[in-house]
Amino acid sequence: MSRQRDSRALADASALQRIRTLAYLLDDAIPIPGTPYRIGLDPIMGLIPGGGDVVGLFLSAYLVLECLRFRLPTETLFRMVGNLALDSILGLLPGMGDFFDAVWKSNARNLALLEAHLANPAQSEAADRQTVALIAIAVVAIVGGISLLMASLLRALLAALTAVG
């Protein structure tokens, strides 16, 4: 039993490190010269027309799904999905979405929620399996919906460009 517990603790520590690294890369990896402010790859990827926001969304969704292993309370899970949804939807706005991504930093927010839980896990009850499944489905639905929307927009843009040319 102790061996299984040790294996679980090692897997959780490894997952936590992956989450921290990904959140840092997406939200805080690049210092802005002359300021204390940092941005990550998420707003930069958003500048790539058609796919940058979707790639950022996939990475952010992975981060939230990875957090499910830590037996988070329902409220924390819903806040994480809310951060992901808000970032995904507002991140699609041309120009302003990339600025929003740089300021909102949903991945850093979700990491802070996870770390707050890990600092004091006894204060909250873990979400039940149905809630965790609902959260996983919601994350997949957000990713799928945004991906379909982006594909439709790209298709319409290409059709318009083809009609003009």
N, C-alpha and C. Protein backbone atom coordinates (compact mmCIF):
# COMPACT_ATOMS: atom_id res chain seq x y z
N MET A 1 0.82 -1.19 0.00
CA MET A 1 0.00 0.00 0.00
C MET A 1 0.87 1.26 0.00
N SER A 2 1.97 1.21 0.74
CA SER A 2 2.86 2.36 0.81
C SER A 2 3.52 2.61 -0.54
N ARG A 3 3.83 1.52 -1.23
CA ARG A 3 4.44 1.65 -2.56
C ARG A 3 3.47 2.33 -3.52
N GLN A 4 2.20 1.97 -3.45
CA GLN A 4 1.18 2.58 -4.31
C GLN A 4 1.02 4.07 -3.97
N ARG A 5 1.03 4.40 -2.68
CA ARG A 5 0.92 5.79 -2.25
C ARG A 5 2.12 6.60 -2.71
N ASP A 6 3.32 6.01 -2.63
CA ASP A 6 4.53 6.68 -3.10
C ASP A 6 4.48 6.92 -4.60
N SER A 7 3.99 5.93 -5.32
CA SER A 7 3.87 6.05 -6.77
C SER A 7 2.88 7.16 -7.13
N ARG A 8 1.78 7.22 -6.41
CA ARG A 8 0.76 8.27 -6.65
C ARG A 8 1.35 9.66 -6.34
N ALA A 9 2.07 9.77 -5.23
CA ALA A 9 2.68 11.05 -4.86
C ALA A 9 3.69 11.51 -5.91
N LEU A 10 4.46 10.57 -6.44
CA LEU A 10 5.43 10.90 -7.48
C LEU A 10 4.73 11.35 -8.76
N ALA A 11 3.66 10.67 -9.13
CA ALA A 11 2.89 11.05 -10.32
C ALA A 11 2.26 12.42 -10.13
N ASP A 12 1.73 12.70 -8.94
CA ASP A 12 1.14 14.01 -8.67
C ASP A 12 2.20 15.11 -8.71
N ALA A 13 3.37 14.84 -8.15
CA ALA A 13 4.45 15.83 -8.17
C ALA A 13 4.89 16.12 -9.61
N SER A 14 4.95 15.09 -10.41
CA SER A 14 5.31 15.24 -11.82
C SER A 14 4.24 16.05 -12.56
N ALA A 15 2.98 15.75 -12.30
CA ALA A 15 1.88 16.49 -12.93
C ALA A 15 1.90 17.95 -12.50
N LEU A 16 2.13 18.19 -11.23
CA LEU A 16 2.19 19.57 -10.73
C LEU A 16 3.31 20.35 -11.41
N GLN A 17 4.45 19.71 -11.61
CA GLN A 17 5.55 20.37 -12.30
C GLN A 17 5.19 20.68 -13.75
N ARG A 18 4.51 19.75 -14.42
CA ARG A 18 4.06 20.00 -15.80
C ARG A 18 3.10 21.18 -15.85
N ILE A 19 2.18 21.24 -14.90
CA ILE A 19 1.20 22.33 -14.84
C ILE A 19 1.91 23.66 -14.61
N ARG A 20 2.83 23.68 -13.65
CA ARG A 20 3.57 24.92 -13.37
C ARG A 20 4.37 25.38 -14.59
N THR A 21 5.04 24.46 -15.24
CA THR A 21 5.86 24.81 -16.41
C THR A 21 4.98 25.34 -17.54
N LEU A 22 3.89 24.66 -17.82
CA LEU A 22 3.01 25.09 -18.91
C LEU A 22 2.37 26.43 -18.60
N ALA A 23 1.91 26.63 -17.38
CA ALA A 23 1.31 27.93 -17.01
C ALA A 23 2.34 29.04 -17.15
N TYR A 24 3.56 28.79 -16.74
CA TYR A 24 4.63 29.79 -16.86
C TYR A 24 4.89 30.11 -18.33
N LEU A 25 5.03 29.09 -19.16
CA LEU A 25 5.30 29.31 -20.58
C LEU A 25 4.17 30.08 -21.26
N LEU A 26 2.94 29.75 -20.93
CA LEU A 26 1.80 30.38 -21.59
C LEU A 26 1.53 31.80 -21.09
N ASP A 27 1.88 32.10 -19.84
CA ASP A 27 1.45 33.39 -19.26
C ASP A 27 2.58 34.31 -18.79
N ASP A 28 3.76 33.80 -18.50
CA ASP A 28 4.77 34.64 -17.83
C ASP A 28 6.21 34.46 -18.30
N ALA A 29 6.46 33.76 -19.37
CA ALA A 29 7.83 33.40 -19.74
C ALA A 29 8.67 34.54 -20.30
N ILE A 30 8.03 35.58 -20.81
CA ILE A 30 8.79 36.61 -21.54
C ILE A 30 8.69 37.95 -20.82
N PRO A 31 9.82 38.46 -20.32
CA PRO A 31 9.77 39.78 -19.67
C PRO A 31 9.64 40.88 -20.73
N ILE A 32 8.89 41.92 -20.39
CA ILE A 32 8.79 43.09 -21.25
C ILE A 32 9.87 44.05 -20.78
N PRO A 33 10.85 44.34 -21.66
CA PRO A 33 12.00 45.17 -21.26
C PRO A 33 11.56 46.52 -20.68
N GLY A 34 12.21 46.91 -19.60
CA GLY A 34 11.95 48.20 -18.97
C GLY A 34 10.74 48.22 -18.06
N THR A 35 10.08 47.07 -17.92
CA THR A 35 8.90 46.99 -17.05
C THR A 35 9.01 45.74 -16.18
N PRO A 36 8.24 45.68 -15.11
CA PRO A 36 8.23 44.44 -14.32
C PRO A 36 7.24 43.42 -14.89
N TYR A 37 6.56 43.78 -15.98
CA TYR A 37 5.50 42.94 -16.52
C TYR A 37 6.06 41.84 -17.41
N ARG A 38 5.38 40.71 -17.42
CA ARG A 38 5.77 39.57 -18.23
C ARG A 38 4.56 39.09 -19.01
N ILE A 39 4.81 38.54 -20.17
CA ILE A 39 3.76 37.88 -20.94
C ILE A 39 4.25 36.49 -21.27
N GLY A 40 3.34 35.69 -21.79
CA GLY A 40 3.72 34.34 -22.17
C GLY A 40 3.49 34.10 -23.65
N LEU A 41 3.54 32.85 -24.01
CA LEU A 41 3.35 32.48 -25.40
C LEU A 41 1.89 32.57 -25.84
N ASP A 42 0.95 32.51 -24.91
CA ASP A 42 -0.47 32.52 -25.26
C ASP A 42 -0.87 33.75 -26.08
N PRO A 43 -0.58 34.97 -25.63
CA PRO A 43 -0.96 36.11 -26.47
C PRO A 43 -0.16 36.20 -27.76
N ILE A 44 1.04 35.69 -27.76
CA ILE A 44 1.86 35.70 -28.98
C ILE A 44 1.29 34.71 -29.99
N MET A 45 0.92 33.51 -29.52
CA MET A 45 0.31 32.53 -30.42
C MET A 45 -1.00 33.07 -30.99
N GLY A 46 -1.71 33.87 -30.19
CA GLY A 46 -2.97 34.44 -30.65
C GLY A 46 -2.81 35.36 -31.84
N LEU A 47 -1.61 35.85 -32.06
CA LEU A 47 -1.35 36.72 -33.22
C LEU A 47 -1.31 35.94 -34.52
N ILE A 48 -1.16 34.62 -34.44
CA ILE A 48 -1.13 33.79 -35.64
C ILE A 48 -2.57 33.59 -36.11
N PRO A 49 -2.90 34.12 -37.28
CA PRO A 49 -4.28 34.05 -37.75
C PRO A 49 -4.75 32.61 -37.94
N GLY A 50 -5.94 32.36 -37.46
CA GLY A 50 -6.60 31.08 -37.72
C GLY A 50 -6.30 29.96 -36.76
N GLY A 51 -5.11 29.86 -36.26
CA GLY A 51 -4.81 28.69 -35.44
C GLY A 51 -4.14 28.97 -34.13
N GLY A 52 -3.58 30.16 -33.97
CA GLY A 52 -2.86 30.46 -32.74
C GLY A 52 -3.72 30.38 -31.50
N ASP A 53 -4.92 30.94 -31.58
CA ASP A 53 -5.82 30.89 -30.42
C ASP A 53 -6.25 29.46 -30.11
N VAL A 54 -6.44 28.65 -31.14
CA VAL A 54 -6.85 27.27 -30.93
C VAL A 54 -5.73 26.47 -30.27
N VAL A 55 -4.50 26.68 -30.69
CA VAL A 55 -3.36 25.99 -30.06
C VAL A 55 -3.27 26.39 -28.58
N GLY A 56 -3.39 27.69 -28.31
CA GLY A 56 -3.38 28.16 -26.92
C GLY A 56 -4.51 27.53 -26.11
N LEU A 57 -5.68 27.42 -26.72
CA LEU A 57 -6.82 26.81 -26.05
C LEU A 57 -6.55 25.35 -25.74
N PHE A 58 -5.98 24.60 -26.69
CA PHE A 58 -5.67 23.20 -26.44
C PHE A 58 -4.71 23.06 -25.27
N LEU A 59 -3.70 23.89 -25.21
CA LEU A 59 -2.72 23.82 -24.12
C LEU A 59 -3.36 24.20 -22.78
N SER A 60 -4.20 25.22 -22.79
CA SER A 60 -4.89 25.63 -21.56
C SER A 60 -5.87 24.56 -21.10
N ALA A 61 -6.55 23.93 -22.05
CA ALA A 61 -7.48 22.86 -21.71
C ALA A 61 -6.73 21.67 -21.12
N TYR A 62 -5.58 21.35 -21.69
CA TYR A 62 -4.75 20.27 -21.15
C TYR A 62 -4.40 20.58 -19.69
N LEU A 63 -4.05 21.81 -19.41
CA LEU A 63 -3.69 22.21 -18.06
C LEU A 63 -4.86 21.95 -17.10
N VAL A 64 -6.06 22.36 -17.48
CA VAL A 64 -7.24 22.15 -16.63
C VAL A 64 -7.51 20.65 -16.46
N LEU A 65 -7.42 19.89 -17.54
CA LEU A 65 -7.67 18.45 -17.44
C LEU A 65 -6.62 17.79 -16.55
N GLU A 66 -5.40 18.25 -16.62
CA GLU A 66 -4.34 17.71 -15.76
C GLU A 66 -4.64 18.02 -14.28
N CYS A 67 -5.27 19.15 -14.02
CA CYS A 67 -5.61 19.52 -12.64
C CYS A 67 -6.67 18.60 -12.03
N LEU A 68 -7.43 17.90 -12.86
CA LEU A 68 -8.50 17.03 -12.35
C LEU A 68 -7.96 15.93 -11.44
N ARG A 69 -6.71 15.56 -11.60
CA ARG A 69 -6.13 14.48 -10.81
C ARG A 69 -5.97 14.85 -9.32
N PHE A 70 -6.09 16.14 -8.98
CA PHE A 70 -5.79 16.59 -7.62
C PHE A 70 -7.01 16.66 -6.70
N ARG A 71 -8.11 16.05 -7.11
CA ARG A 71 -9.31 15.98 -6.28
C ARG A 71 -9.73 17.36 -5.76
N LEU A 72 -9.88 18.27 -6.70
CA LEU A 72 -10.26 19.64 -6.36
C LEU A 72 -11.74 19.73 -6.02
N PRO A 73 -12.10 20.72 -5.22
CA PRO A 73 -13.52 20.91 -4.91
C PRO A 73 -14.27 21.44 -6.15
N THR A 74 -15.56 21.23 -6.16
CA THR A 74 -16.41 21.62 -7.28
C THR A 74 -16.26 23.10 -7.61
N GLU A 75 -16.28 23.95 -6.61
CA GLU A 75 -16.18 25.40 -6.85
C GLU A 75 -14.88 25.75 -7.57
N THR A 76 -13.79 25.14 -7.16
CA THR A 76 -12.50 25.41 -7.79
C THR A 76 -12.51 24.95 -9.25
N LEU A 77 -13.08 23.78 -9.50
CA LEU A 77 -13.15 23.28 -10.88
C LEU A 77 -13.98 24.21 -11.77
N PHE A 78 -15.12 24.66 -11.24
CA PHE A 78 -15.96 25.58 -12.04
C PHE A 78 -15.24 26.90 -12.29
N ARG A 79 -14.49 27.38 -11.31
CA ARG A 79 -13.72 28.62 -11.53
C ARG A 79 -12.66 28.41 -12.60
N MET A 80 -12.02 27.27 -12.59
CA MET A 80 -11.01 26.98 -13.61
C MET A 80 -11.62 26.95 -15.01
N VAL A 81 -12.75 26.27 -15.13
CA VAL A 81 -13.42 26.21 -16.44
C VAL A 81 -13.91 27.60 -16.85
N GLY A 82 -14.37 28.38 -15.88
CA GLY A 82 -14.78 29.76 -16.19
C GLY A 82 -13.61 30.58 -16.70
N ASN A 83 -12.45 30.45 -16.07
CA ASN A 83 -11.25 31.15 -16.55
C ASN A 83 -10.90 30.72 -17.97
N LEU A 84 -10.97 29.42 -18.22
CA LEU A 84 -10.66 28.89 -19.54
C LEU A 84 -11.66 29.40 -20.58
N ALA A 85 -12.94 29.36 -20.25
CA ALA A 85 -13.98 29.81 -21.20
C ALA A 85 -13.84 31.30 -21.49
N LEU A 86 -13.67 32.10 -20.46
CA LEU A 86 -13.53 33.55 -20.65
C LEU A 86 -12.31 33.86 -21.51
N ASP A 87 -11.20 33.23 -21.21
CA ASP A 87 -9.98 33.45 -21.98
C ASP A 87 -10.18 33.02 -23.44
N SER A 88 -10.85 31.89 -23.63
CA SER A 88 -11.05 31.38 -24.99
C SER A 88 -11.97 32.26 -25.81
N ILE A 89 -13.05 32.68 -25.23
CA ILE A 89 -14.04 33.46 -25.97
C ILE A 89 -13.52 34.88 -26.23
N LEU A 90 -13.06 35.55 -25.19
CA LEU A 90 -12.56 36.92 -25.38
C LEU A 90 -11.24 36.94 -26.15
N GLY A 91 -10.48 35.85 -26.05
CA GLY A 91 -9.23 35.76 -26.79
C GLY A 91 -9.42 35.73 -28.29
N LEU A 92 -10.62 35.42 -28.75
CA LEU A 92 -10.90 35.38 -30.18
C LEU A 92 -11.10 36.76 -30.80
N LEU A 93 -11.34 37.76 -29.97
CA LEU A 93 -11.57 39.10 -30.51
C LEU A 93 -10.30 39.62 -31.17
N PRO A 94 -10.39 40.03 -32.43
CA PRO A 94 -9.19 40.50 -33.13
C PRO A 94 -8.53 41.67 -32.38
N GLY A 95 -7.23 41.55 -32.16
CA GLY A 95 -6.47 42.61 -31.50
C GLY A 95 -6.70 42.66 -30.01
N MET A 96 -7.90 42.96 -29.60
CA MET A 96 -8.21 43.07 -28.17
C MET A 96 -8.09 41.72 -27.46
N GLY A 97 -8.36 40.65 -28.17
CA GLY A 97 -8.25 39.32 -27.57
C GLY A 97 -6.83 38.99 -27.14
N ASP A 98 -5.87 39.40 -27.95
CA ASP A 98 -4.47 39.14 -27.60
C ASP A 98 -4.05 39.99 -26.41
N PHE A 99 -4.53 41.22 -26.36
CA PHE A 99 -4.26 42.08 -25.19
C PHE A 99 -4.90 41.45 -23.95
N PHE A 100 -6.14 40.97 -24.08
CA PHE A 100 -6.82 40.32 -22.96
C PHE A 100 -6.02 39.10 -22.50
N ASP A 101 -5.54 38.27 -23.44
CA ASP A 101 -4.74 37.10 -23.07
C ASP A 101 -3.51 37.49 -22.26
N ALA A 102 -2.88 38.60 -22.64
CA ALA A 102 -1.67 39.05 -21.95
C ALA A 102 -1.95 39.55 -20.54
N VAL A 103 -3.16 40.07 -20.32
CA VAL A 103 -3.50 40.65 -19.03
C VAL A 103 -4.22 39.66 -18.12
N TRP A 104 -5.15 38.89 -18.65
CA TRP A 104 -5.99 37.99 -17.85
C TRP A 104 -5.20 36.82 -17.28
N LYS A 105 -4.35 36.21 -18.07
CA LYS A 105 -3.48 35.11 -17.65
C LYS A 105 -4.26 33.98 -16.97
N SER A 106 -5.17 33.38 -17.71
CA SER A 106 -6.04 32.35 -17.14
C SER A 106 -5.25 31.15 -16.63
N ASN A 107 -4.16 30.81 -17.27
CA ASN A 107 -3.38 29.65 -16.82
C ASN A 107 -2.72 29.90 -15.47
N ALA A 108 -2.20 31.09 -15.30
CA ALA A 108 -1.61 31.46 -14.00
C ALA A 108 -2.70 31.50 -12.92
N ARG A 109 -3.88 31.98 -13.29
CA ARG A 109 -5.00 31.99 -12.34
C ARG A 109 -5.38 30.56 -11.94
N ASN A 110 -5.44 29.67 -12.92
CA ASN A 110 -5.79 28.29 -12.61
C ASN A 110 -4.71 27.60 -11.79
N LEU A 111 -3.46 27.90 -12.07
CA LEU A 111 -2.38 27.37 -11.24
C LEU A 111 -2.51 27.88 -9.80
N ALA A 112 -2.83 29.15 -9.63
CA ALA A 112 -3.00 29.71 -8.28
C ALA A 112 -4.15 29.02 -7.55
N LEU A 113 -5.23 28.71 -8.26
CA LEU A 113 -6.35 27.98 -7.65
C LEU A 113 -5.90 26.59 -7.20
N LEU A 114 -5.14 25.91 -8.05
CA LEU A 114 -4.63 24.58 -7.70
C LEU A 114 -3.70 24.65 -6.49
N GLU A 115 -2.78 25.60 -6.51
CA GLU A 115 -1.83 25.69 -5.41
C GLU A 115 -2.50 26.09 -4.10
N ALA A 116 -3.54 26.92 -4.17
CA ALA A 116 -4.28 27.27 -2.95
C ALA A 116 -4.94 26.02 -2.35
N HIS A 117 -5.47 25.18 -3.22
CA HIS A 117 -6.07 23.94 -2.75
C HIS A 117 -5.00 23.01 -2.15
N LEU A 118 -3.88 22.90 -2.84
CA LEU A 118 -2.83 21.99 -2.36
C LEU A 118 -2.22 22.47 -1.05
N ALA A 119 -2.23 23.77 -0.81
CA ALA A 119 -1.70 24.31 0.45
C ALA A 119 -2.59 23.96 1.63
N ASN A 120 -3.88 23.74 1.37
CA ASN A 120 -4.81 23.44 2.45
C ASN A 120 -5.92 22.53 1.94
N PRO A 121 -5.59 21.29 1.58
CA PRO A 121 -6.59 20.41 0.97
C PRO A 121 -7.69 19.94 1.93
N ALA A 122 -7.42 19.96 3.21
CA ALA A 122 -8.39 19.45 4.17
C ALA A 122 -9.60 20.37 4.33
N GLN A 123 -9.48 21.63 3.91
CA GLN A 123 -10.58 22.58 4.09
C GLN A 123 -11.72 22.38 3.11
N SER A 124 -11.54 21.58 2.09
CA SER A 124 -12.59 21.44 1.09
C SER A 124 -12.79 19.98 0.72
N GLU A 125 -14.00 19.70 0.29
CA GLU A 125 -14.35 18.34 -0.11
C GLU A 125 -14.16 18.21 -1.62
N ALA A 126 -13.56 17.10 -2.03
CA ALA A 126 -13.32 16.88 -3.45
C ALA A 126 -14.64 16.73 -4.20
N ALA A 127 -14.64 17.18 -5.43
CA ALA A 127 -15.82 17.04 -6.28
C ALA A 127 -16.08 15.55 -6.51
N ASP A 128 -17.36 15.21 -6.67
CA ASP A 128 -17.70 13.82 -6.93
C ASP A 128 -17.38 13.46 -8.39
N ARG A 129 -17.45 12.18 -8.69
CA ARG A 129 -17.07 11.71 -10.03
C ARG A 129 -17.94 12.32 -11.13
N GLN A 130 -19.22 12.50 -10.85
CA GLN A 130 -20.11 13.08 -11.86
C GLN A 130 -19.70 14.52 -12.19
N THR A 131 -19.32 15.28 -11.18
CA THR A 131 -18.89 16.66 -11.40
C THR A 131 -17.59 16.70 -12.18
N VAL A 132 -16.67 15.82 -11.84
CA VAL A 132 -15.40 15.76 -12.55
C VAL A 132 -15.66 15.39 -14.02
N ALA A 133 -16.55 14.43 -14.25
CA ALA A 133 -16.89 14.06 -15.63
C ALA A 133 -17.53 15.25 -16.35
N LEU A 134 -18.41 15.97 -15.68
CA LEU A 134 -19.04 17.15 -16.27
C LEU A 134 -18.01 18.21 -16.62
N ILE A 135 -17.04 18.42 -15.74
CA ILE A 135 -15.98 19.39 -16.00
C ILE A 135 -15.17 18.96 -17.22
N ALA A 136 -14.81 17.69 -17.28
CA ALA A 136 -14.04 17.18 -18.43
C ALA A 136 -14.83 17.36 -19.72
N ILE A 137 -16.11 17.07 -19.69
CA ILE A 137 -16.96 17.25 -20.87
C ILE A 137 -17.06 18.73 -21.24
N ALA A 138 -17.19 19.60 -20.25
CA ALA A 138 -17.26 21.04 -20.52
C ALA A 138 -15.98 21.54 -21.18
N VAL A 139 -14.84 21.08 -20.70
CA VAL A 139 -13.55 21.50 -21.29
C VAL A 139 -13.47 21.02 -22.74
N VAL A 140 -13.84 19.76 -22.98
CA VAL A 140 -13.82 19.23 -24.35
C VAL A 140 -14.81 19.99 -25.22
N ALA A 141 -15.98 20.34 -24.69
CA ALA A 141 -16.98 21.09 -25.46
C ALA A 141 -16.47 22.49 -25.80
N ILE A 142 -15.80 23.13 -24.87
CA ILE A 142 -15.25 24.46 -25.14
C ILE A 142 -14.21 24.37 -26.25
N VAL A 143 -13.32 23.41 -26.14
CA VAL A 143 -12.29 23.23 -27.16
C VAL A 143 -12.93 22.91 -28.51
N GLY A 144 -13.86 21.98 -28.51
CA GLY A 144 -14.52 21.61 -29.77
C GLY A 144 -15.30 22.76 -30.37
N GLY A 145 -16.04 23.49 -29.54
CA GLY A 145 -16.83 24.61 -30.03
C GLY A 145 -15.97 25.72 -30.61
N ILE A 146 -14.92 26.08 -29.92
CA ILE A 146 -14.02 27.13 -30.41
C ILE A 146 -13.31 26.65 -31.68
N SER A 147 -12.91 25.40 -31.70
CA SER A 147 -12.24 24.86 -32.89
C SER A 147 -13.17 24.88 -34.10
N LEU A 148 -14.43 24.47 -33.91
CA LEU A 148 -15.40 24.51 -35.01
C LEU A 148 -15.68 25.94 -35.46
N LEU A 149 -15.78 26.84 -34.51
CA LEU A 149 -15.99 28.24 -34.86
C LEU A 149 -14.83 28.78 -35.68
N MET A 150 -13.62 28.50 -35.26
CA MET A 150 -12.44 28.97 -35.99
C MET A 150 -12.37 28.34 -37.38
N ALA A 151 -12.70 27.06 -37.48
CA ALA A 151 -12.70 26.40 -38.79
C ALA A 151 -13.74 27.02 -39.71
N SER A 152 -14.92 27.33 -39.18
CA SER A 152 -15.97 27.96 -39.98
C SER A 152 -15.56 29.36 -40.43
N LEU A 153 -14.96 30.10 -39.53
CA LEU A 153 -14.50 31.45 -39.89
C LEU A 153 -13.41 31.39 -40.96
N LEU A 154 -12.50 30.46 -40.83
CA LEU A 154 -11.44 30.31 -41.83
C LEU A 154 -12.01 29.89 -43.19
N ARG A 155 -12.97 28.98 -43.16
CA ARG A 155 -13.62 28.54 -44.39
C ARG A 155 -14.32 29.71 -45.08
N ALA A 156 -15.04 30.52 -44.29
CA ALA A 156 -15.72 31.68 -44.85
C ALA A 156 -14.73 32.71 -45.39
N LEU A 157 -13.64 32.91 -44.68
CA LEU A 157 -12.61 33.85 -45.14
C LEU A 157 -11.98 33.37 -46.45
N LEU A 158 -11.67 32.07 -46.52
CA LEU A 158 -11.09 31.54 -47.75
C LEU A 158 -12.08 31.62 -48.91
N ALA A 159 -13.34 31.37 -48.64
CA ALA A 159 -14.36 31.48 -49.69
C ALA A 159 -14.46 32.92 -50.18
N ALA A 160 -14.43 33.87 -49.26
CA ALA A 160 -14.50 35.28 -49.64
C ALA A 160 -13.27 35.70 -50.44
N LEU A 161 -12.11 35.23 -50.04
CA LEU A 161 -10.88 35.55 -50.77
C LEU A 161 -10.88 34.91 -52.16
N THR A 162 -11.40 33.71 -52.26
CA THR A 162 -11.48 33.03 -53.54
C THR A 162 -12.46 33.74 -54.48
N ALA A 163 -13.57 34.22 -53.93
CA ALA A 163 -14.57 34.92 -54.72
C ALA A 163 -14.03 36.24 -55.24
N VAL A 164 -13.19 36.92 -54.46
CA VAL A 164 -12.61 38.21 -54.86
C VAL A 164 -11.55 37.98 -55.94
N GLY A 165 -10.75 36.93 -55.80
CA GLY A 165 -9.61 36.69 -56.69
C GLY A 165 -10.03 36.01 -57.91
